[in-house]
Amino acid sequence: MTQNKEIILIITALLFLTLIGGIVFLYSGQEKQNIVSKAELTIDFGDGNKRAFEGGIVANETLVDALNQASRVGNFSYKIDDKNNLSAINNFTSGKDKTWRWYLNDKKIDSLTDGIVLKSNDKILVKYE
């Protein structure tokens, strides 16, 4: 009976060590995302109200990533439609009269925004017009 308890204890210890080793392996393989630069994001609601955000960006960060960060910090929601266009911020929804438009460094963006990678000191404007 004592030998069975020792075997169970050894097996339990081995399983525990395997579990800890697996957790350490998983976390050691994750890359830390270092801030490589900064960018500015302004949301213009088209009614005189604007919200501005400035923060660090990491390598390969896109316009949508920057909007996502701003939404967490600024406590607002947004929606992206199935064509990857911004369709709403809070209760400002794209429609017949007004739609959300993206500008990067004062140039209108007509292409899909998820593939546009930010560069150092980019100025992003999201405007309801």
N, C-alpha and C. Protein backbone atom coordinates (compact mmCIF):
# COMPACT_ATOMS: atom_id res chain seq x y z
N MET A 1 0.82 -1.19 0.00
CA MET A 1 0.00 0.00 0.00
C MET A 1 0.86 1.26 0.00
N THR A 2 1.95 1.29 0.73
CA THR A 2 2.85 2.43 0.79
C THR A 2 3.49 2.66 -0.57
N GLN A 3 3.83 1.56 -1.26
CA GLN A 3 4.44 1.67 -2.57
C GLN A 3 3.47 2.32 -3.57
N ASN A 4 2.17 2.01 -3.48
CA ASN A 4 1.15 2.60 -4.35
C ASN A 4 1.04 4.11 -4.11
N LYS A 5 1.11 4.54 -2.86
CA LYS A 5 1.05 5.97 -2.53
C LYS A 5 2.26 6.70 -3.10
N GLU A 6 3.43 6.06 -3.03
CA GLU A 6 4.65 6.68 -3.57
C GLU A 6 4.55 6.83 -5.09
N ILE A 7 4.00 5.80 -5.75
CA ILE A 7 3.85 5.85 -7.21
C ILE A 7 2.87 6.97 -7.59
N ILE A 8 1.77 7.06 -6.87
CA ILE A 8 0.77 8.11 -7.13
C ILE A 8 1.39 9.49 -6.89
N LEU A 9 2.17 9.64 -5.84
CA LEU A 9 2.83 10.89 -5.53
C LEU A 9 3.83 11.27 -6.64
N ILE A 10 4.60 10.29 -7.11
CA ILE A 10 5.57 10.54 -8.18
C ILE A 10 4.85 10.94 -9.47
N ILE A 11 3.80 10.23 -9.83
CA ILE A 11 3.04 10.56 -11.04
C ILE A 11 2.43 11.95 -10.92
N THR A 12 1.87 12.27 -9.76
CA THR A 12 1.28 13.60 -9.54
C THR A 12 2.34 14.68 -9.68
N ALA A 13 3.52 14.47 -9.12
CA ALA A 13 4.61 15.44 -9.21
C ALA A 13 5.06 15.61 -10.66
N LEU A 14 5.15 14.52 -11.41
CA LEU A 14 5.54 14.61 -12.82
C LEU A 14 4.50 15.37 -13.64
N LEU A 15 3.22 15.10 -13.39
CA LEU A 15 2.16 15.83 -14.11
C LEU A 15 2.21 17.31 -13.78
N PHE A 16 2.43 17.63 -12.51
CA PHE A 16 2.53 19.02 -12.08
C PHE A 16 3.70 19.72 -12.77
N LEU A 17 4.86 19.09 -12.80
CA LEU A 17 6.03 19.67 -13.44
C LEU A 17 5.82 19.84 -14.94
N THR A 18 5.15 18.88 -15.57
CA THR A 18 4.85 18.98 -16.99
C THR A 18 3.92 20.16 -17.26
N LEU A 19 2.92 20.33 -16.41
CA LEU A 19 1.98 21.44 -16.55
C LEU A 19 2.71 22.78 -16.39
N ILE A 20 3.53 22.91 -15.37
CA ILE A 20 4.28 24.16 -15.15
C ILE A 20 5.22 24.42 -16.32
N GLY A 21 5.91 23.39 -16.79
CA GLY A 21 6.82 23.53 -17.92
C GLY A 21 6.09 23.99 -19.17
N GLY A 22 4.89 23.46 -19.41
CA GLY A 22 4.09 23.87 -20.57
C GLY A 22 3.66 25.32 -20.48
N ILE A 23 3.28 25.76 -19.30
CA ILE A 23 2.87 27.16 -19.12
C ILE A 23 4.06 28.09 -19.35
N VAL A 24 5.21 27.75 -18.79
CA VAL A 24 6.41 28.57 -18.99
C VAL A 24 6.78 28.62 -20.46
N PHE A 25 6.68 27.50 -21.15
CA PHE A 25 7.00 27.45 -22.58
C PHE A 25 6.07 28.35 -23.38
N LEU A 26 4.78 28.30 -23.09
CA LEU A 26 3.81 29.12 -23.82
C LEU A 26 4.09 30.61 -23.63
N TYR A 27 4.33 31.03 -22.41
CA TYR A 27 4.55 32.45 -22.16
C TYR A 27 5.91 32.92 -22.65
N SER A 28 6.91 32.07 -22.66
CA SER A 28 8.22 32.50 -23.14
C SER A 28 8.24 32.68 -24.64
N GLY A 29 7.32 32.05 -25.37
CA GLY A 29 7.28 32.16 -26.81
C GLY A 29 6.54 33.40 -27.30
N GLN A 30 5.86 34.11 -26.41
CA GLN A 30 5.13 35.28 -26.83
C GLN A 30 6.06 36.47 -26.95
N GLU A 31 5.91 37.19 -28.06
CA GLU A 31 6.71 38.39 -28.29
C GLU A 31 6.11 39.56 -27.53
N LYS A 32 6.96 40.35 -26.94
CA LYS A 32 6.50 41.59 -26.36
C LYS A 32 6.38 42.59 -27.49
N GLN A 33 5.30 43.34 -27.48
CA GLN A 33 5.13 44.33 -28.52
C GLN A 33 5.69 45.65 -28.01
N ASN A 34 6.80 46.05 -28.58
CA ASN A 34 7.45 47.28 -28.19
C ASN A 34 6.92 48.44 -29.01
N ILE A 35 6.72 49.55 -28.35
CA ILE A 35 6.28 50.75 -29.03
C ILE A 35 7.42 51.25 -29.90
N VAL A 36 7.12 51.47 -31.18
CA VAL A 36 8.15 51.91 -32.12
C VAL A 36 8.03 53.39 -32.47
N SER A 37 6.87 53.97 -32.23
CA SER A 37 6.67 55.37 -32.54
C SER A 37 5.36 55.83 -31.94
N LYS A 38 4.87 56.97 -32.38
CA LYS A 38 3.58 57.45 -31.93
C LYS A 38 2.77 57.92 -33.12
N ALA A 39 1.46 58.03 -32.91
CA ALA A 39 0.55 58.52 -33.92
C ALA A 39 -0.57 59.29 -33.23
N GLU A 40 -1.28 60.08 -34.01
CA GLU A 40 -2.43 60.83 -33.50
C GLU A 40 -3.67 60.40 -34.25
N LEU A 41 -4.77 60.31 -33.52
CA LEU A 41 -6.07 59.96 -34.11
C LEU A 41 -7.08 60.98 -33.65
N THR A 42 -7.79 61.59 -34.60
CA THR A 42 -8.86 62.53 -34.28
C THR A 42 -10.14 62.00 -34.88
N ILE A 43 -11.20 62.04 -34.09
CA ILE A 43 -12.53 61.67 -34.57
C ILE A 43 -13.34 62.96 -34.63
N ASP A 44 -13.81 63.29 -35.84
CA ASP A 44 -14.61 64.49 -36.06
C ASP A 44 -16.04 64.02 -36.33
N PHE A 45 -16.95 64.36 -35.41
CA PHE A 45 -18.33 63.89 -35.52
C PHE A 45 -19.16 64.73 -36.49
N GLY A 46 -18.55 65.74 -37.10
CA GLY A 46 -19.24 66.52 -38.11
C GLY A 46 -20.23 67.52 -37.56
N ASP A 47 -20.31 67.63 -36.25
CA ASP A 47 -21.25 68.57 -35.63
C ASP A 47 -20.52 69.56 -34.72
N GLY A 48 -19.22 69.68 -34.93
CA GLY A 48 -18.42 70.56 -34.08
C GLY A 48 -17.71 69.83 -32.95
N ASN A 49 -18.13 68.60 -32.68
CA ASN A 49 -17.49 67.81 -31.62
C ASN A 49 -16.38 66.96 -32.20
N LYS A 50 -15.24 66.98 -31.50
CA LYS A 50 -14.10 66.17 -31.91
C LYS A 50 -13.51 65.51 -30.67
N ARG A 51 -12.91 64.37 -30.89
CA ARG A 51 -12.15 63.68 -29.84
C ARG A 51 -10.78 63.37 -30.40
N ALA A 52 -9.75 63.66 -29.63
CA ALA A 52 -8.38 63.46 -30.10
C ALA A 52 -7.66 62.49 -29.18
N PHE A 53 -6.83 61.64 -29.79
CA PHE A 53 -6.05 60.64 -29.08
C PHE A 53 -4.63 60.66 -29.62
N GLU A 54 -3.69 60.43 -28.75
CA GLU A 54 -2.30 60.31 -29.16
C GLU A 54 -1.71 59.15 -28.36
N GLY A 55 -0.94 58.33 -29.04
CA GLY A 55 -0.36 57.21 -28.32
C GLY A 55 0.68 56.47 -29.13
N GLY A 56 1.28 55.51 -28.47
CA GLY A 56 2.31 54.70 -29.09
C GLY A 56 1.73 53.71 -30.07
N ILE A 57 2.52 53.41 -31.08
CA ILE A 57 2.15 52.37 -32.04
C ILE A 57 3.23 51.31 -32.05
N VAL A 58 2.83 50.10 -32.37
CA VAL A 58 3.77 48.98 -32.45
C VAL A 58 3.98 48.64 -33.93
N ALA A 59 4.97 47.83 -34.21
CA ALA A 59 5.26 47.43 -35.58
C ALA A 59 4.03 46.79 -36.22
N ASN A 60 3.76 47.13 -37.44
CA ASN A 60 2.65 46.60 -38.25
C ASN A 60 1.27 46.97 -37.75
N GLU A 61 1.16 48.01 -36.96
CA GLU A 61 -0.15 48.47 -36.49
C GLU A 61 -0.88 49.17 -37.62
N THR A 62 -2.18 48.89 -37.75
CA THR A 62 -2.98 49.45 -38.84
C THR A 62 -3.88 50.58 -38.32
N LEU A 63 -4.56 51.22 -39.26
CA LEU A 63 -5.52 52.26 -38.89
C LEU A 63 -6.61 51.71 -37.97
N VAL A 64 -7.10 50.53 -38.29
CA VAL A 64 -8.16 49.92 -37.48
C VAL A 64 -7.63 49.58 -36.09
N ASP A 65 -6.38 49.14 -35.99
CA ASP A 65 -5.78 48.87 -34.68
C ASP A 65 -5.75 50.14 -33.84
N ALA A 66 -5.39 51.26 -34.47
CA ALA A 66 -5.35 52.54 -33.74
C ALA A 66 -6.75 52.94 -33.27
N LEU A 67 -7.75 52.74 -34.12
CA LEU A 67 -9.13 53.04 -33.72
C LEU A 67 -9.56 52.14 -32.57
N ASN A 68 -9.15 50.89 -32.61
CA ASN A 68 -9.47 49.96 -31.53
C ASN A 68 -8.86 50.41 -30.21
N GLN A 69 -7.60 50.83 -30.24
CA GLN A 69 -6.96 51.33 -29.02
C GLN A 69 -7.68 52.56 -28.49
N ALA A 70 -8.02 53.49 -29.39
CA ALA A 70 -8.71 54.71 -28.97
C ALA A 70 -10.08 54.39 -28.38
N SER A 71 -10.77 53.40 -28.94
CA SER A 71 -12.10 53.05 -28.41
C SER A 71 -12.03 52.50 -26.99
N ARG A 72 -10.96 51.76 -26.70
CA ARG A 72 -10.79 51.24 -25.34
C ARG A 72 -10.49 52.36 -24.36
N VAL A 73 -9.58 53.26 -24.76
CA VAL A 73 -9.19 54.36 -23.89
C VAL A 73 -10.32 55.38 -23.77
N GLY A 74 -10.96 55.68 -24.90
CA GLY A 74 -12.00 56.71 -24.93
C GLY A 74 -13.40 56.23 -24.63
N ASN A 75 -13.55 54.93 -24.37
CA ASN A 75 -14.83 54.35 -24.01
C ASN A 75 -15.94 54.66 -25.02
N PHE A 76 -15.68 54.33 -26.28
CA PHE A 76 -16.71 54.45 -27.30
C PHE A 76 -16.73 53.16 -28.11
N SER A 77 -17.80 52.97 -28.84
CA SER A 77 -17.91 51.76 -29.67
C SER A 77 -17.91 52.15 -31.14
N TYR A 78 -17.55 51.20 -31.97
CA TYR A 78 -17.57 51.41 -33.42
C TYR A 78 -17.93 50.10 -34.09
N LYS A 79 -18.34 50.22 -35.36
CA LYS A 79 -18.67 49.03 -36.14
C LYS A 79 -17.97 49.11 -37.49
N ILE A 80 -17.48 47.97 -37.92
CA ILE A 80 -16.88 47.81 -39.25
C ILE A 80 -17.80 46.88 -40.03
N ASP A 81 -18.19 47.28 -41.24
CA ASP A 81 -19.10 46.43 -42.02
C ASP A 81 -18.34 45.30 -42.71
N ASP A 82 -19.07 44.49 -43.45
CA ASP A 82 -18.46 43.32 -44.09
C ASP A 82 -17.50 43.68 -45.22
N LYS A 83 -17.51 44.94 -45.67
CA LYS A 83 -16.56 45.40 -46.69
C LYS A 83 -15.38 46.12 -46.05
N ASN A 84 -15.28 46.02 -44.73
CA ASN A 84 -14.20 46.61 -43.95
C ASN A 84 -14.25 48.14 -43.93
N ASN A 85 -15.45 48.70 -44.07
CA ASN A 85 -15.63 50.14 -43.96
C ASN A 85 -16.17 50.46 -42.57
N LEU A 86 -15.76 51.59 -42.05
CA LEU A 86 -16.28 52.04 -40.77
C LEU A 86 -17.72 52.46 -40.98
N SER A 87 -18.65 51.81 -40.29
CA SER A 87 -20.07 52.10 -40.51
C SER A 87 -20.71 52.87 -39.36
N ALA A 88 -20.07 52.89 -38.18
CA ALA A 88 -20.66 53.63 -37.06
C ALA A 88 -19.63 53.86 -35.96
N ILE A 89 -19.77 54.99 -35.32
CA ILE A 89 -19.09 55.26 -34.05
C ILE A 89 -20.18 55.76 -33.12
N ASN A 90 -20.35 55.04 -32.02
CA ASN A 90 -21.47 55.27 -31.11
C ASN A 90 -22.76 55.30 -31.92
N ASN A 91 -23.55 56.37 -31.84
CA ASN A 91 -24.82 56.39 -32.56
C ASN A 91 -24.73 57.16 -33.88
N PHE A 92 -23.52 57.48 -34.33
CA PHE A 92 -23.32 58.13 -35.61
C PHE A 92 -23.10 57.05 -36.67
N THR A 93 -24.16 56.76 -37.43
CA THR A 93 -24.14 55.65 -38.37
C THR A 93 -24.10 56.17 -39.81
N SER A 94 -23.30 55.52 -40.63
CA SER A 94 -23.24 55.89 -42.04
C SER A 94 -24.60 55.67 -42.68
N GLY A 95 -24.99 56.60 -43.53
CA GLY A 95 -26.28 56.49 -44.21
C GLY A 95 -26.22 57.20 -45.55
N LYS A 96 -27.39 57.67 -45.99
CA LYS A 96 -27.48 58.35 -47.29
C LYS A 96 -26.80 59.71 -47.25
N ASP A 97 -27.00 60.44 -46.16
CA ASP A 97 -26.51 61.82 -46.09
C ASP A 97 -25.06 61.92 -45.64
N LYS A 98 -24.66 61.11 -44.67
CA LYS A 98 -23.31 61.20 -44.12
C LYS A 98 -22.71 59.81 -43.98
N THR A 99 -21.39 59.77 -44.08
CA THR A 99 -20.67 58.51 -43.90
C THR A 99 -19.34 58.81 -43.22
N TRP A 100 -18.74 57.79 -42.66
CA TRP A 100 -17.43 57.94 -42.03
C TRP A 100 -16.35 57.82 -43.10
N ARG A 101 -15.42 58.78 -43.09
CA ARG A 101 -14.31 58.77 -44.03
C ARG A 101 -12.99 58.82 -43.25
N TRP A 102 -12.00 58.15 -43.81
CA TRP A 102 -10.66 58.10 -43.22
C TRP A 102 -9.73 59.04 -43.98
N TYR A 103 -8.86 59.72 -43.23
CA TYR A 103 -7.80 60.54 -43.80
C TYR A 103 -6.51 60.18 -43.07
N LEU A 104 -5.44 60.07 -43.83
CA LEU A 104 -4.13 59.80 -43.25
C LEU A 104 -3.19 60.89 -43.73
N ASN A 105 -2.69 61.66 -42.78
CA ASN A 105 -1.81 62.79 -43.09
C ASN A 105 -2.46 63.71 -44.13
N ASP A 106 -3.73 64.03 -43.90
CA ASP A 106 -4.54 64.95 -44.72
C ASP A 106 -4.90 64.41 -46.10
N LYS A 107 -4.66 63.13 -46.37
CA LYS A 107 -5.04 62.54 -47.65
C LYS A 107 -6.17 61.54 -47.42
N LYS A 108 -7.23 61.69 -48.22
CA LYS A 108 -8.38 60.79 -48.12
C LYS A 108 -7.96 59.37 -48.50
N ILE A 109 -8.46 58.43 -47.76
CA ILE A 109 -8.16 57.02 -48.01
C ILE A 109 -9.40 56.37 -48.61
N ASP A 110 -9.23 55.81 -49.78
CA ASP A 110 -10.35 55.14 -50.45
C ASP A 110 -10.25 53.63 -50.39
N SER A 111 -9.07 53.11 -50.03
CA SER A 111 -8.88 51.66 -50.00
C SER A 111 -9.28 51.10 -48.64
N LEU A 112 -9.28 49.79 -48.54
CA LEU A 112 -9.60 49.14 -47.28
C LEU A 112 -8.57 49.52 -46.23
N THR A 113 -9.02 49.85 -45.04
CA THR A 113 -8.14 50.41 -44.02
C THR A 113 -7.38 49.37 -43.22
N ASP A 114 -7.75 48.12 -43.28
CA ASP A 114 -7.06 47.13 -42.45
C ASP A 114 -5.67 46.80 -42.96
N GLY A 115 -5.37 47.15 -44.19
CA GLY A 115 -4.05 46.85 -44.74
C GLY A 115 -3.08 48.02 -44.69
N ILE A 116 -3.53 49.16 -44.19
CA ILE A 116 -2.66 50.34 -44.15
C ILE A 116 -1.93 50.35 -42.82
N VAL A 117 -0.62 50.21 -42.89
CA VAL A 117 0.23 50.16 -41.69
C VAL A 117 0.70 51.57 -41.35
N LEU A 118 0.61 51.90 -40.07
CA LEU A 118 0.99 53.23 -39.61
C LEU A 118 2.49 53.41 -39.59
N LYS A 119 2.88 54.66 -39.80
CA LYS A 119 4.29 55.05 -39.73
C LYS A 119 4.46 56.09 -38.65
N SER A 120 5.69 56.39 -38.34
CA SER A 120 6.02 57.34 -37.29
C SER A 120 5.32 58.68 -37.50
N ASN A 121 4.67 59.15 -36.45
CA ASN A 121 4.00 60.46 -36.41
C ASN A 121 2.86 60.63 -37.40
N ASP A 122 2.24 59.54 -37.82
CA ASP A 122 1.07 59.65 -38.69
C ASP A 122 -0.05 60.38 -37.97
N LYS A 123 -0.81 61.12 -38.76
CA LYS A 123 -1.99 61.82 -38.24
C LYS A 123 -3.21 61.24 -38.93
N ILE A 124 -4.06 60.63 -38.13
CA ILE A 124 -5.26 59.94 -38.64
C ILE A 124 -6.47 60.80 -38.30
N LEU A 125 -7.32 61.00 -39.29
CA LEU A 125 -8.58 61.69 -39.06
C LEU A 125 -9.70 60.78 -39.53
N VAL A 126 -10.66 60.57 -38.66
CA VAL A 126 -11.87 59.83 -39.00
C VAL A 126 -12.99 60.85 -38.90
N LYS A 127 -13.63 61.13 -40.05
CA LYS A 127 -14.58 62.24 -40.11
C LYS A 127 -15.94 61.79 -40.60
N TYR A 128 -16.97 62.25 -39.90
CA TYR A 128 -18.36 61.96 -40.27
C TYR A 128 -18.82 63.11 -41.16
N GLU A 129 -18.90 62.83 -42.47
CA GLU A 129 -19.26 63.91 -43.42
C GLU A 129 -20.16 63.40 -44.52
